[in-house]
Amino acid sequence: MADNGLVLREWAPAAEALFLTGDFNGWDNFSHPYKKKEFGKWELCLPPKHDKSPAIEHNTKLKVVVHTKKGERLYRISPWAKYAIQAEKQVIYDWVHWDPPQPYLVSTEFLINLV
């Protein structure tokens, strides 16, 4: 969002509850619940911080916590994640929030040299 807030949306029709956890909240599994919408959709709106900086900083590791109807707690990466990494010698991937403070800039000199 233009004001540094975030809107996160997921589709999990069989979930009982969804939460966002990560570096930004000390991996608290319950502090950021998604709101259930119709047709299996879930939404979480995060306003910017008090100093107007982004709600979640660039390069922050995140997971979606899915609570199932069977009572399971599953940690998932959003299919909407722009960036995911796998630590060396690990099978598990981490969702890394990708929102650099400065957008990528391409110089006209670079473009001219391509031609």
PDB file of N, CA and C in Angstrom:
ATOM      1  N   MET A   1       0.840  -1.181   0.000  1.00  0.00           N
ATOM      2  CA  MET A   1       0.000   0.000   0.000  1.00  0.00           C
ATOM      3  C   MET A   1       0.882   1.240   0.000  1.00  0.00           C
ATOM      4  N   ALA A   2       0.364   2.315  -0.487  1.00  0.00           N
ATOM      5  CA  ALA A   2       1.140   3.547  -0.606  1.00  0.00           C
ATOM      6  C   ALA A   2       1.586   4.106   0.742  1.00  0.00           C
ATOM      7  N   ASP A   3       0.837   3.821   1.801  1.00  0.00           N
ATOM      8  CA  ASP A   3       1.181   4.378   3.118  1.00  0.00           C
ATOM      9  C   ASP A   3       2.089   3.461   3.931  1.00  0.00           C
ATOM     10  N   ASN A   4       2.672   2.435   3.314  1.00  0.00           N
ATOM     11  CA  ASN A   4       3.538   1.438   3.952  1.00  0.00           C
ATOM     12  C   ASN A   4       2.775   0.391   4.761  1.00  0.00           C
ATOM     13  N   GLY A   5       1.457   0.366   4.655  1.00  0.00           N
ATOM     14  CA  GLY A   5       0.680  -0.714   5.250  1.00  0.00           C
ATOM     15  C   GLY A   5       0.715  -1.911   4.311  1.00  0.00           C
ATOM     16  N   LEU A   6       0.250  -3.037   4.780  1.00  0.00           N
ATOM     17  CA  LEU A   6       0.225  -4.253   3.967  1.00  0.00           C
ATOM     18  C   LEU A   6      -1.139  -4.912   4.049  1.00  0.00           C
ATOM     19  N   VAL A   7      -1.571  -5.485   2.952  1.00  0.00           N
ATOM     20  CA  VAL A   7      -2.761  -6.335   2.936  1.00  0.00           C
ATOM     21  C   VAL A   7      -2.306  -7.676   2.412  1.00  0.00           C
ATOM     22  N   LEU A   8      -2.475  -8.695   3.240  1.00  0.00           N
ATOM     23  CA  LEU A   8      -2.080 -10.054   2.877  1.00  0.00           C
ATOM     24  C   LEU A   8      -3.338 -10.887   2.710  1.00  0.00           C
ATOM     25  N   ARG A   9      -3.396 -11.648   1.629  1.00  0.00           N
ATOM     26  CA  ARG A   9      -4.569 -12.478   1.363  1.00  0.00           C
ATOM     27  C   ARG A   9      -4.124 -13.909   1.092  1.00  0.00           C
ATOM     28  N   GLU A  10      -4.912 -14.835   1.590  1.00  0.00           N
ATOM     29  CA  GLU A  10      -4.646 -16.261   1.384  1.00  0.00           C
ATOM     30  C   GLU A  10      -5.958 -16.952   1.025  1.00  0.00           C
ATOM     31  N   TRP A  11      -5.835 -18.124   0.442  1.00  0.00           N
ATOM     32  CA  TRP A  11      -6.994 -18.965   0.164  1.00  0.00           C
ATOM     33  C   TRP A  11      -6.758 -20.283   0.869  1.00  0.00           C
ATOM     34  N   ALA A  12      -7.551 -20.565   1.886  1.00  0.00           N
ATOM     35  CA  ALA A  12      -7.417 -21.784   2.671  1.00  0.00           C
ATOM     36  C   ALA A  12      -8.810 -22.216   3.126  1.00  0.00           C
ATOM     37  N   PRO A  13      -9.600 -22.794   2.223  1.00  0.00           N
ATOM     38  CA  PRO A  13     -10.997 -23.100   2.534  1.00  0.00           C
ATOM     39  C   PRO A  13     -11.205 -24.103   3.664  1.00  0.00           C
ATOM     40  N   ALA A  14     -10.226 -24.973   3.923  1.00  0.00           N
ATOM     41  CA  ALA A  14     -10.404 -25.974   4.970  1.00  0.00           C
ATOM     42  C   ALA A  14      -9.808 -25.552   6.314  1.00  0.00           C
ATOM     43  N   ALA A  15      -9.277 -24.328   6.402  1.00  0.00           N
ATOM     44  CA  ALA A  15      -8.630 -23.875   7.638  1.00  0.00           C
ATOM     45  C   ALA A  15      -9.649 -23.395   8.671  1.00  0.00           C
ATOM     46  N   GLU A  16      -9.319 -23.605   9.926  1.00  0.00           N
ATOM     47  CA  GLU A  16     -10.114 -23.065  11.042  1.00  0.00           C
ATOM     48  C   GLU A  16      -9.675 -21.631  11.338  1.00  0.00           C
ATOM     49  N   ALA A  17      -8.363 -21.379  11.229  1.00  0.00           N
ATOM     50  CA  ALA A  17      -7.805 -20.055  11.508  1.00  0.00           C
ATOM     51  C   ALA A  17      -6.464 -19.928  10.808  1.00  0.00           C
ATOM     52  N   LEU A  18      -6.095 -18.695  10.502  1.00  0.00           N
ATOM     53  CA  LEU A  18      -4.787 -18.388   9.920  1.00  0.00           C
ATOM     54  C   LEU A  18      -4.158 -17.265  10.724  1.00  0.00           C
ATOM     55  N   PHE A  19      -2.846 -17.329  10.882  1.00  0.00           N
ATOM     56  CA  PHE A  19      -2.089 -16.287  11.574  1.00  0.00           C
ATOM     57  C   PHE A  19      -0.807 -16.034  10.788  1.00  0.00           C
ATOM     58  N   LEU A  20      -0.270 -14.837  10.927  1.00  0.00           N
ATOM     59  CA  LEU A  20       1.027 -14.506  10.344  1.00  0.00           C
ATOM     60  C   LEU A  20       2.044 -14.442  11.467  1.00  0.00           C
ATOM     61  N   THR A  21       3.166 -15.100  11.259  1.00  0.00           N
ATOM     62  CA  THR A  21       4.234 -15.082  12.256  1.00  0.00           C
ATOM     63  C   THR A  21       5.556 -14.855  11.546  1.00  0.00           C
ATOM     64  N   GLY A  22       6.560 -14.412  12.310  1.00  0.00           N
ATOM     65  CA  GLY A  22       7.864 -14.186  11.702  1.00  0.00           C
ATOM     66  C   GLY A  22       8.771 -13.356  12.582  1.00  0.00           C
ATOM     67  N   ASP A  23       9.869 -12.932  11.972  1.00  0.00           N
ATOM     68  CA  ASP A  23      10.836 -12.101  12.689  1.00  0.00           C
ATOM     69  C   ASP A  23      10.194 -10.836  13.258  1.00  0.00           C
ATOM     70  N   PHE A  24       9.224 -10.275  12.536  1.00  0.00           N
ATOM     71  CA  PHE A  24       8.635  -8.988  12.914  1.00  0.00           C
ATOM     72  C   PHE A  24       7.853  -9.046  14.230  1.00  0.00           C
ATOM     73  N   ASN A  25       7.379 -10.230  14.635  1.00  0.00           N
ATOM     74  CA  ASN A  25       6.607 -10.334  15.882  1.00  0.00           C
ATOM     75  C   ASN A  25       7.195 -11.357  16.850  1.00  0.00           C
ATOM     76  N   GLY A  26       8.495 -11.637  16.684  1.00  0.00           N
ATOM     77  CA  GLY A  26       9.158 -12.585  17.570  1.00  0.00           C
ATOM     78  C   GLY A  26       8.635 -14.003  17.428  1.00  0.00           C
ATOM     79  N   TRP A  27       8.112 -14.348  16.258  1.00  0.00           N
ATOM     80  CA  TRP A  27       7.555 -15.659  15.952  1.00  0.00           C
ATOM     81  C   TRP A  27       6.394 -16.023  16.875  1.00  0.00           C
ATOM     82  N   ASP A  28       5.615 -15.008  17.235  1.00  0.00           N
ATOM     83  CA  ASP A  28       4.396 -15.225  18.021  1.00  0.00           C
ATOM     84  C   ASP A  28       3.339 -15.803  17.082  1.00  0.00           C
ATOM     85  N   ASN A  29       2.886 -17.007  17.346  1.00  0.00           N
ATOM     86  CA  ASN A  29       1.953 -17.707  16.454  1.00  0.00           C
ATOM     87  C   ASN A  29       0.528 -17.180  16.486  1.00  0.00           C
ATOM     88  N   PHE A  30       0.201 -16.277  17.413  1.00  0.00           N
ATOM     89  CA  PHE A  30      -1.193 -15.867  17.565  1.00  0.00           C
ATOM     90  C   PHE A  30      -1.421 -14.351  17.518  1.00  0.00           C
ATOM     91  N   SER A  31      -0.380 -13.557  17.420  1.00  0.00           N
ATOM     92  CA  SER A  31      -0.545 -12.101  17.538  1.00  0.00           C
ATOM     93  C   SER A  31      -1.138 -11.429  16.298  1.00  0.00           C
ATOM     94  N   HIS A  32      -1.077 -12.079  15.137  1.00  0.00           N
ATOM     95  CA  HIS A  32      -1.558 -11.459  13.901  1.00  0.00           C
ATOM     96  C   HIS A  32      -2.529 -12.393  13.163  1.00  0.00           C
ATOM     97  N   PRO A  33      -3.785 -12.443  13.622  1.00  0.00           N
ATOM     98  CA  PRO A  33      -4.762 -13.325  12.978  1.00  0.00           C
ATOM     99  C   PRO A  33      -5.312 -12.740  11.675  1.00  0.00           C
ATOM    100  N   TYR A  34      -5.534 -13.608  10.728  1.00  0.00           N
ATOM    101  CA  TYR A  34      -6.226 -13.221   9.490  1.00  0.00           C
ATOM    102  C   TYR A  34      -7.720 -13.198   9.792  1.00  0.00           C
ATOM    103  N   LYS A  35      -8.448 -12.418   9.014  1.00  0.00           N
ATOM    104  CA  LYS A  35      -9.907 -12.376   9.133  1.00  0.00           C
ATOM    105  C   LYS A  35     -10.495 -13.264   8.042  1.00  0.00           C
ATOM    106  N   LYS A  36     -11.418 -14.133   8.436  1.00  0.00           N
ATOM    107  CA  LYS A  36     -12.042 -15.051   7.483  1.00  0.00           C
ATOM    108  C   LYS A  36     -13.057 -14.306   6.616  1.00  0.00           C
ATOM    109  N   LYS A  37     -12.942 -14.499   5.319  1.00  0.00           N
ATOM    110  CA  LYS A  37     -13.872 -13.940   4.341  1.00  0.00           C
ATOM    111  C   LYS A  37     -14.685 -15.096   3.758  1.00  0.00           C
ATOM    112  N   GLU A  38     -15.526 -14.805   2.792  1.00  0.00           N
ATOM    113  CA  GLU A  38     -16.302 -15.891   2.191  1.00  0.00           C
ATOM    114  C   GLU A  38     -15.481 -16.641   1.141  1.00  0.00           C
ATOM    115  N   PHE A  39     -15.940 -17.849   0.826  1.00  0.00           N
ATOM    116  CA  PHE A  39     -15.359 -18.714  -0.203  1.00  0.00           C
ATOM    117  C   PHE A  39     -13.917 -19.126   0.109  1.00  0.00           C
ATOM    118  N   GLY A  40     -13.587 -19.306   1.384  1.00  0.00           N
ATOM    119  CA  GLY A  40     -12.260 -19.791   1.757  1.00  0.00           C
ATOM    120  C   GLY A  40     -11.158 -18.760   1.752  1.00  0.00           C
ATOM    121  N   LYS A  41     -11.525 -17.495   1.571  1.00  0.00           N
ATOM    122  CA  LYS A  41     -10.524 -16.432   1.535  1.00  0.00           C
ATOM    123  C   LYS A  41     -10.247 -15.909   2.941  1.00  0.00           C
ATOM    124  N   TRP A  42      -9.013 -15.470   3.161  1.00  0.00           N
ATOM    125  CA  TRP A  42      -8.570 -14.902   4.430  1.00  0.00           C
ATOM    126  C   TRP A  42      -7.808 -13.616   4.132  1.00  0.00           C
ATOM    127  N   GLU A  43      -7.895 -12.639   5.043  1.00  0.00           N
ATOM    128  CA  GLU A  43      -7.237 -11.358   4.815  1.00  0.00           C
ATOM    129  C   GLU A  43      -6.669 -10.805   6.116  1.00  0.00           C
ATOM    130  N   LEU A  44      -5.492 -10.219   6.022  1.00  0.00           N
ATOM    131  CA  LEU A  44      -4.843  -9.564   7.152  1.00  0.00           C
ATOM    132  C   LEU A  44      -4.373  -8.194   6.702  1.00  0.00           C
ATOM    133  N   CYS A  45      -4.833  -7.153   7.375  1.00  0.00           N
ATOM    134  CA  CYS A  45      -4.428  -5.776   7.078  1.00  0.00           C
ATOM    135  C   CYS A  45      -3.490  -5.299   8.179  1.00  0.00           C
ATOM    136  N   LEU A  46      -2.296  -4.912   7.797  1.00  0.00           N
ATOM    137  CA  LEU A  46      -1.308  -4.416   8.751  1.00  0.00           C
ATOM    138  C   LEU A  46      -1.027  -2.946   8.462  1.00  0.00           C
ATOM    139  N   PRO A  47      -1.353  -2.061   9.399  1.00  0.00           N
ATOM    140  CA  PRO A  47      -1.065  -0.645   9.187  1.00  0.00           C
ATOM    141  C   PRO A  47       0.432  -0.388   9.305  1.00  0.00           C
ATOM    142  N   PRO A  48       0.907   0.744   8.794  1.00  0.00           N
ATOM    143  CA  PRO A  48       2.333   1.060   8.950  1.00  0.00           C
ATOM    144  C   PRO A  48       2.653   1.271  10.430  1.00  0.00           C
ATOM    145  N   LYS A  49       3.929   1.228  10.747  1.00  0.00           N
ATOM    146  CA  LYS A  49       4.360   1.480  12.125  1.00  0.00           C
ATOM    147  C   LYS A  49       4.085   2.944  12.477  1.00  0.00           C
ATOM    148  N   HIS A  50       4.204   3.284  13.765  1.00  0.00           N
ATOM    149  CA  HIS A  50       3.907   4.654  14.210  1.00  0.00           C
ATOM    150  C   HIS A  50       4.789   5.699  13.524  1.00  0.00           C
ATOM    151  N   ASP A  51       6.015   5.315  13.159  1.00  0.00           N
ATOM    152  CA  ASP A  51       6.911   6.263  12.480  1.00  0.00           C
ATOM    153  C   ASP A  51       6.706   6.260  10.961  1.00  0.00           C
ATOM    154  N   LYS A  52       5.630   5.633  10.510  1.00  0.00           N
ATOM    155  CA  LYS A  52       5.237   5.539   9.093  1.00  0.00           C
ATOM    156  C   LYS A  52       6.133   4.617   8.272  1.00  0.00           C
ATOM    157  N   SER A  53       7.026   3.865   8.919  1.00  0.00           N
ATOM    158  CA  SER A  53       7.847   2.892   8.196  1.00  0.00           C
ATOM    159  C   SER A  53       6.978   1.676   7.869  1.00  0.00           C
ATOM    160  N   PRO A  54       7.457   0.809   6.961  1.00  0.00           N
ATOM    161  CA  PRO A  54       6.642  -0.341   6.545  1.00  0.00           C
ATOM    162  C   PRO A  54       6.213  -1.226   7.714  1.00  0.00           C
ATOM    163  N   ALA A  55       5.034  -1.782   7.599  1.00  0.00           N
ATOM    164  CA  ALA A  55       4.490  -2.671   8.631  1.00  0.00           C
ATOM    165  C   ALA A  55       5.422  -3.850   8.872  1.00  0.00           C
ATOM    166  N   ILE A  56       5.995  -4.384   7.810  1.00  0.00           N
ATOM    167  CA  ILE A  56       6.976  -5.465   7.892  1.00  0.00           C
ATOM    168  C   ILE A  56       8.177  -5.037   7.062  1.00  0.00           C
ATOM    169  N   GLU A  57       9.351  -5.082   7.675  1.00  0.00           N
ATOM    170  CA  GLU A  57      10.547  -4.613   6.991  1.00  0.00           C
ATOM    171  C   GLU A  57      11.005  -5.577   5.896  1.00  0.00           C
ATOM    172  N   HIS A  58      11.696  -5.029   4.926  1.00  0.00           N
ATOM    173  CA  HIS A  58      12.317  -5.786   3.846  1.00  0.00           C
ATOM    174  C   HIS A  58      13.238  -6.856   4.436  1.00  0.00           C
ATOM    175  N   ASN A  59      13.260  -8.043   3.845  1.00  0.00           N
ATOM    176  CA  ASN A  59      14.101  -9.175   4.249  1.00  0.00           C
ATOM    177  C   ASN A  59      13.670  -9.845   5.549  1.00  0.00           C
ATOM    178  N   THR A  60      12.433  -9.643   5.968  1.00  0.00           N
ATOM    179  CA  THR A  60      11.912 -10.290   7.168  1.00  0.00           C
ATOM    180  C   THR A  60      11.392 -11.679   6.821  1.00  0.00           C
ATOM    181  N   LYS A  61      11.773 -12.688   7.606  1.00  0.00           N
ATOM    182  CA  LYS A  61      11.271 -14.045   7.389  1.00  0.00           C
ATOM    183  C   LYS A  61       9.861 -14.158   7.956  1.00  0.00           C
ATOM    184  N   LEU A  62       8.987 -14.851   7.204  1.00  0.00           N
ATOM    185  CA  LEU A  62       7.576 -14.991   7.573  1.00  0.00           C
ATOM    186  C   LEU A  62       7.099 -16.424   7.344  1.00  0.00           C
ATOM    187  N   LYS A  63       6.017 -16.780   8.017  1.00  0.00           N
ATOM    188  CA  LYS A  63       5.287 -18.026   7.767  1.00  0.00           C
ATOM    189  C   LYS A  63       3.809 -17.753   8.033  1.00  0.00           C
ATOM    190  N   VAL A  64       2.964 -18.463   7.322  1.00  0.00           N
ATOM    191  CA  VAL A  64       1.538 -18.460   7.615  1.00  0.00           C
ATOM    192  C   VAL A  64       1.284 -19.675   8.500  1.00  0.00           C
ATOM    193  N   VAL A  65       0.642 -19.451   9.639  1.00  0.00           N
ATOM    194  CA  VAL A  65       0.302 -20.544  10.547  1.00  0.00           C
ATOM    195  C   VAL A  65      -1.142 -20.933  10.253  1.00  0.00           C
ATOM    196  N   VAL A  66      -1.339 -22.174   9.831  1.00  0.00           N
ATOM    197  CA  VAL A  66      -2.659 -22.681   9.475  1.00  0.00           C
ATOM    198  C   VAL A  66      -3.134 -23.610  10.586  1.00  0.00           C
ATOM    199  N   HIS A  67      -4.281 -23.295  11.157  1.00  0.00           N
ATOM    200  CA  HIS A  67      -4.912 -24.174  12.143  1.00  0.00           C
ATOM    201  C   HIS A  67      -5.996 -24.949  11.413  1.00  0.00           C
ATOM    202  N   THR A  68      -5.862 -26.272  11.410  1.00  0.00           N
ATOM    203  CA  THR A  68      -6.814 -27.103  10.678  1.00  0.00           C
ATOM    204  C   THR A  68      -7.982 -27.523  11.568  1.00  0.00           C
ATOM    205  N   LYS A  69      -9.017 -28.039  10.952  1.00  0.00           N
ATOM    206  CA  LYS A  69     -10.185 -28.528  11.691  1.00  0.00           C
ATOM    207  C   LYS A  69      -9.853 -29.771  12.511  1.00  0.00           C
ATOM    208  N   LYS A  70      -8.767 -30.460  12.164  1.00  0.00           N
ATOM    209  CA  LYS A  70      -8.324 -31.632  12.919  1.00  0.00           C
ATOM    210  C   LYS A  70      -7.450 -31.241  14.116  1.00  0.00           C
ATOM    211  N   GLY A  71      -7.229 -29.939  14.300  1.00  0.00           N
ATOM    212  CA  GLY A  71      -6.419 -29.476  15.418  1.00  0.00           C
ATOM    213  C   GLY A  71      -4.934 -29.384  15.126  1.00  0.00           C
ATOM    214  N   GLU A  72      -4.552 -29.556  13.881  1.00  0.00           N
ATOM    215  CA  GLU A  72      -3.141 -29.449  13.512  1.00  0.00           C
ATOM    216  C   GLU A  72      -2.735 -27.990  13.367  1.00  0.00           C
ATOM    217  N   ARG A  73      -1.458 -27.723  13.578  1.00  0.00           N
ATOM    218  CA  ARG A  73      -0.890 -26.396  13.327  1.00  0.00           C
ATOM    219  C   ARG A  73       0.196 -26.576  12.272  1.00  0.00           C
ATOM    220  N   LEU A  74      -0.026 -25.983  11.105  1.00  0.00           N
ATOM    221  CA  LEU A  74       0.892 -26.127   9.974  1.00  0.00           C
ATOM    222  C   LEU A  74       1.552 -24.792   9.672  1.00  0.00           C
ATOM    223  N   TYR A  75       2.835 -24.818   9.354  1.00  0.00           N
ATOM    224  CA  TYR A  75       3.584 -23.601   9.011  1.00  0.00           C
ATOM    225  C   TYR A  75       3.832 -23.632   7.511  1.00  0.00           C
ATOM    226  N   ARG A  76       3.325 -22.626   6.820  1.00  0.00           N
ATOM    227  CA  ARG A  76       3.369 -22.612   5.363  1.00  0.00           C
ATOM    228  C   ARG A  76       3.935 -21.299   4.825  1.00  0.00           C
ATOM    229  N   ILE A  77       4.415 -21.388   3.584  1.00  0.00           N
ATOM    230  CA  ILE A  77       4.839 -20.206   2.846  1.00  0.00           C
ATOM    231  C   ILE A  77       3.662 -19.791   1.976  1.00  0.00           C
ATOM    232  N   SER A  78       3.396 -18.505   1.925  1.00  0.00           N
ATOM    233  CA  SER A  78       2.310 -18.021   1.075  1.00  0.00           C
ATOM    234  C   SER A  78       2.637 -18.275  -0.386  1.00  0.00           C
ATOM    235  N   PRO A  79       1.655 -18.721  -1.167  1.00  0.00           N
ATOM    236  CA  PRO A  79       1.904 -18.857  -2.603  1.00  0.00           C
ATOM    237  C   PRO A  79       2.115 -17.500  -3.278  1.00  0.00           C
ATOM    238  N   TRP A  80       1.813 -16.430  -2.575  1.00  0.00           N
ATOM    239  CA  TRP A  80       2.004 -15.073  -3.093  1.00  0.00           C
ATOM    240  C   TRP A  80       3.378 -14.508  -2.743  1.00  0.00           C
ATOM    241  N   ALA A  81       4.205 -15.271  -2.034  1.00  0.00           N
ATOM    242  CA  ALA A  81       5.537 -14.798  -1.637  1.00  0.00           C
ATOM    243  C   ALA A  81       6.359 -14.447  -2.876  1.00  0.00           C
ATOM    244  N   LYS A  82       7.024 -13.299  -2.837  1.00  0.00           N
ATOM    245  CA  LYS A  82       7.869 -12.881  -3.956  1.00  0.00           C
ATOM    246  C   LYS A  82       9.258 -13.523  -3.881  1.00  0.00           C
ATOM    247  N   TYR A  83       9.636 -13.972  -2.675  1.00  0.00           N
ATOM    248  CA  TYR A  83      10.996 -14.468  -2.485  1.00  0.00           C
ATOM    249  C   TYR A  83      10.996 -15.543  -1.411  1.00  0.00           C
ATOM    250  N   ALA A  84      11.634 -16.660  -1.679  1.00  0.00           N
ATOM    251  CA  ALA A  84      11.773 -17.742  -0.700  1.00  0.00           C
ATOM    252  C   ALA A  84      13.198 -18.267  -0.773  1.00  0.00           C
ATOM    253  N   ILE A  85      13.739 -18.641   0.377  1.00  0.00           N
ATOM    254  CA  ILE A  85      15.101 -19.145   0.422  1.00  0.00           C
ATOM    255  C   ILE A  85      15.132 -20.490   1.141  1.00  0.00           C
ATOM    256  N   GLN A  86      16.154 -21.253   0.855  1.00  0.00           N
ATOM    257  CA  GLN A  86      16.373 -22.527   1.539  1.00  0.00           C
ATOM    258  C   GLN A  86      17.752 -22.452   2.180  1.00  0.00           C
ATOM    259  N   ALA A  87      17.798 -22.576   3.497  1.00  0.00           N
ATOM    260  CA  ALA A  87      19.072 -22.549   4.199  1.00  0.00           C
ATOM    261  C   ALA A  87      19.895 -23.766   3.786  1.00  0.00           C
ATOM    262  N   GLU A  88      21.205 -23.614   3.823  1.00  0.00           N
ATOM    263  CA  GLU A  88      22.101 -24.693   3.428  1.00  0.00           C
ATOM    264  C   GLU A  88      21.836 -25.947   4.259  1.00  0.00           C
ATOM    265  N   LYS A  89      21.777 -27.080   3.593  1.00  0.00           N
ATOM    266  CA  LYS A  89      21.551 -28.387   4.219  1.00  0.00           C
ATOM    267  C   LYS A  89      20.204 -28.477   4.947  1.00  0.00           C
ATOM    268  N   GLN A  90      19.223 -27.736   4.467  1.00  0.00           N
ATOM    269  CA  GLN A  90      17.874 -27.765   5.045  1.00  0.00           C
ATOM    270  C   GLN A  90      16.879 -28.190   3.972  1.00  0.00           C
ATOM    271  N   VAL A  91      15.772 -28.741   4.399  1.00  0.00           N
ATOM    272  CA  VAL A  91      14.705 -29.075   3.456  1.00  0.00           C
ATOM    273  C   VAL A  91      13.623 -28.011   3.479  1.00  0.00           C
ATOM    274  N   ILE A  92      13.585 -27.248   4.527  1.00  0.00           N
ATOM    275  CA  ILE A  92      12.530 -26.257   4.721  1.00  0.00           C
ATOM    276  C   ILE A  92      12.908 -24.937   4.059  1.00  0.00           C
ATOM    277  N   TYR A  93      11.923 -24.353   3.394  1.00  0.00           N
ATOM    278  CA  TYR A  93      12.113 -23.037   2.781  1.00  0.00           C
ATOM    279  C   TYR A  93      11.538 -21.968   3.698  1.00  0.00           C
ATOM    280  N   ASP A  94      12.097 -20.767   3.609  1.00  0.00           N
ATOM    281  CA  ASP A  94      11.582 -19.617   4.350  1.00  0.00           C
ATOM    282  C   ASP A  94      11.049 -18.589   3.373  1.00  0.00           C
ATOM    283  N   TRP A  95       9.917 -18.017   3.715  1.00  0.00           N
ATOM    284  CA  TRP A  95       9.350 -16.891   2.973  1.00  0.00           C
ATOM    285  C   TRP A  95      10.062 -15.660   3.483  1.00  0.00           C
ATOM    286  N   VAL A  96      10.628 -14.883   2.585  1.00  0.00           N
ATOM    287  CA  VAL A  96      11.302 -13.642   2.950  1.00  0.00           C
ATOM    288  C   VAL A  96      10.532 -12.496   2.304  1.00  0.00           C
ATOM    289  N   HIS A  97      10.046 -11.595   3.148  1.00  0.00           N
ATOM    290  CA  HIS A  97       9.279 -10.448   2.639  1.00  0.00           C
ATOM    291  C   HIS A  97      10.193  -9.575   1.800  1.00  0.00           C
ATOM    292  N   TRP A  98       9.813  -9.364   0.548  1.00  0.00           N
ATOM    293  CA  TRP A  98      10.641  -8.608  -0.389  1.00  0.00           C
ATOM    294  C   TRP A  98       9.967  -7.277  -0.695  1.00  0.00           C
ATOM    295  N   ASP A  99      10.513  -6.219  -0.114  1.00  0.00           N
ATOM    296  CA  ASP A  99       9.993  -4.870  -0.327  1.00  0.00           C
ATOM    297  C   ASP A  99      11.129  -3.872  -0.098  1.00  0.00           C
ATOM    298  N   PRO A 100      12.108  -3.822  -1.034  1.00  0.00           N
ATOM    299  CA  PRO A 100      13.261  -2.954  -0.817  1.00  0.00           C
ATOM    300  C   PRO A 100      12.846  -1.489  -0.694  1.00  0.00           C
ATOM    301  N   PRO A 101      13.527  -0.746   0.190  1.00  0.00           N
ATOM    302  CA  PRO A 101      13.168   0.660   0.400  1.00  0.00           C
ATOM    303  C   PRO A 101      13.348   1.507  -0.857  1.00  0.00           C
ATOM    304  N   GLN A 102      14.329   1.150  -1.674  1.00  0.00           N
ATOM    305  CA  GLN A 102      14.553   1.862  -2.935  1.00  0.00           C
ATOM    306  C   GLN A 102      14.235   0.907  -4.079  1.00  0.00           C
ATOM    307  N   PRO A 103      13.341   1.311  -4.968  1.00  0.00           N
ATOM    308  CA  PRO A 103      13.027   0.417  -6.098  1.00  0.00           C
ATOM    309  C   PRO A 103      14.244   0.273  -7.007  1.00  0.00           C
ATOM    310  N   TYR A 104      14.229  -0.791  -7.770  1.00  0.00           N
ATOM    311  CA  TYR A 104      15.321  -0.983  -8.717  1.00  0.00           C
ATOM    312  C   TYR A 104      15.311   0.142  -9.729  1.00  0.00           C
ATOM    313  N   LEU A 105      16.490   0.661  -9.988  1.00  0.00           N
ATOM    314  CA  LEU A 105      16.629   1.736 -10.962  1.00  0.00           C
ATOM    315  C   LEU A 105      17.496   1.238 -12.109  1.00  0.00           C
ATOM    316  N   VAL A 106      17.081   1.520 -13.320  1.00  0.00           N
ATOM    317  CA  VAL A 106      17.861   1.164 -14.490  1.00  0.00           C
ATOM    318  C   VAL A 106      18.290   2.466 -15.139  1.00  0.00           C
ATOM    319  N   SER A 107      19.584   2.611 -15.328  1.00  0.00           N
ATOM    320  CA  SER A 107      20.077   3.858 -15.919  1.00  0.00           C
ATOM    321  C   SER A 107      19.884   3.821 -17.424  1.00  0.00           C
ATOM    322  N   THR A 108      19.724   4.984 -18.005  1.00  0.00           N
ATOM    323  CA  THR A 108      19.596   5.063 -19.462  1.00  0.00           C
ATOM    324  C   THR A 108      20.905   4.674 -20.116  1.00  0.00           C
ATOM    325  N   GLU A 109      22.040   4.919 -19.437  1.00  0.00           N
ATOM    326  CA  GLU A 109      23.332   4.503 -19.970  1.00  0.00           C
ATOM    327  C   GLU A 109      23.386   2.995 -20.151  1.00  0.00           C
ATOM    328  N   PHE A 110      22.855   2.265 -19.183  1.00  0.00           N
ATOM    329  CA  PHE A 110      22.807   0.813 -19.280  1.00  0.00           C
ATOM    330  C   PHE A 110      21.947   0.379 -20.467  1.00  0.00           C
ATOM    331  N   LEU A 111      20.805   1.017 -20.638  1.00  0.00           N
ATOM    332  CA  LEU A 111      19.919   0.663 -21.750  1.00  0.00           C
ATOM    333  C   LEU A 111      20.551   0.971 -23.099  1.00  0.00           C
ATOM    334  N   ILE A 112      21.258   2.090 -23.192  1.00  0.00           N
ATOM    335  CA  ILE A 112      21.926   2.459 -24.447  1.00  0.00           C
ATOM    336  C   ILE A 112      22.995   1.435 -24.814  1.00  0.00           C
ATOM    337  N   ASN A 113      23.723   0.952 -23.784  1.00  0.00           N
ATOM    338  CA  ASN A 113      24.785  -0.032 -24.033  1.00  0.00           C
ATOM    339  C   ASN A 113      24.224  -1.385 -24.463  1.00  0.00           C
ATOM    340  N   LEU A 114      22.965  -1.649 -24.205  1.00  0.00           N
ATOM    341  CA  LEU A 114      22.356  -2.908 -24.637  1.00  0.00           C
ATOM    342  C   LEU A 114      22.096  -2.933 -26.142  1.00  0.00           C
ATOM    343  N   VAL A 115      21.896  -1.757 -26.718  1.00  0.00           N
ATOM    344  CA  VAL A 115      21.512  -1.672 -28.138  1.00  0.00           C
ATOM    345  C   VAL A 115      22.681  -1.841 -29.045  1.00  0.00           C
TER     346      VAL A 115
END
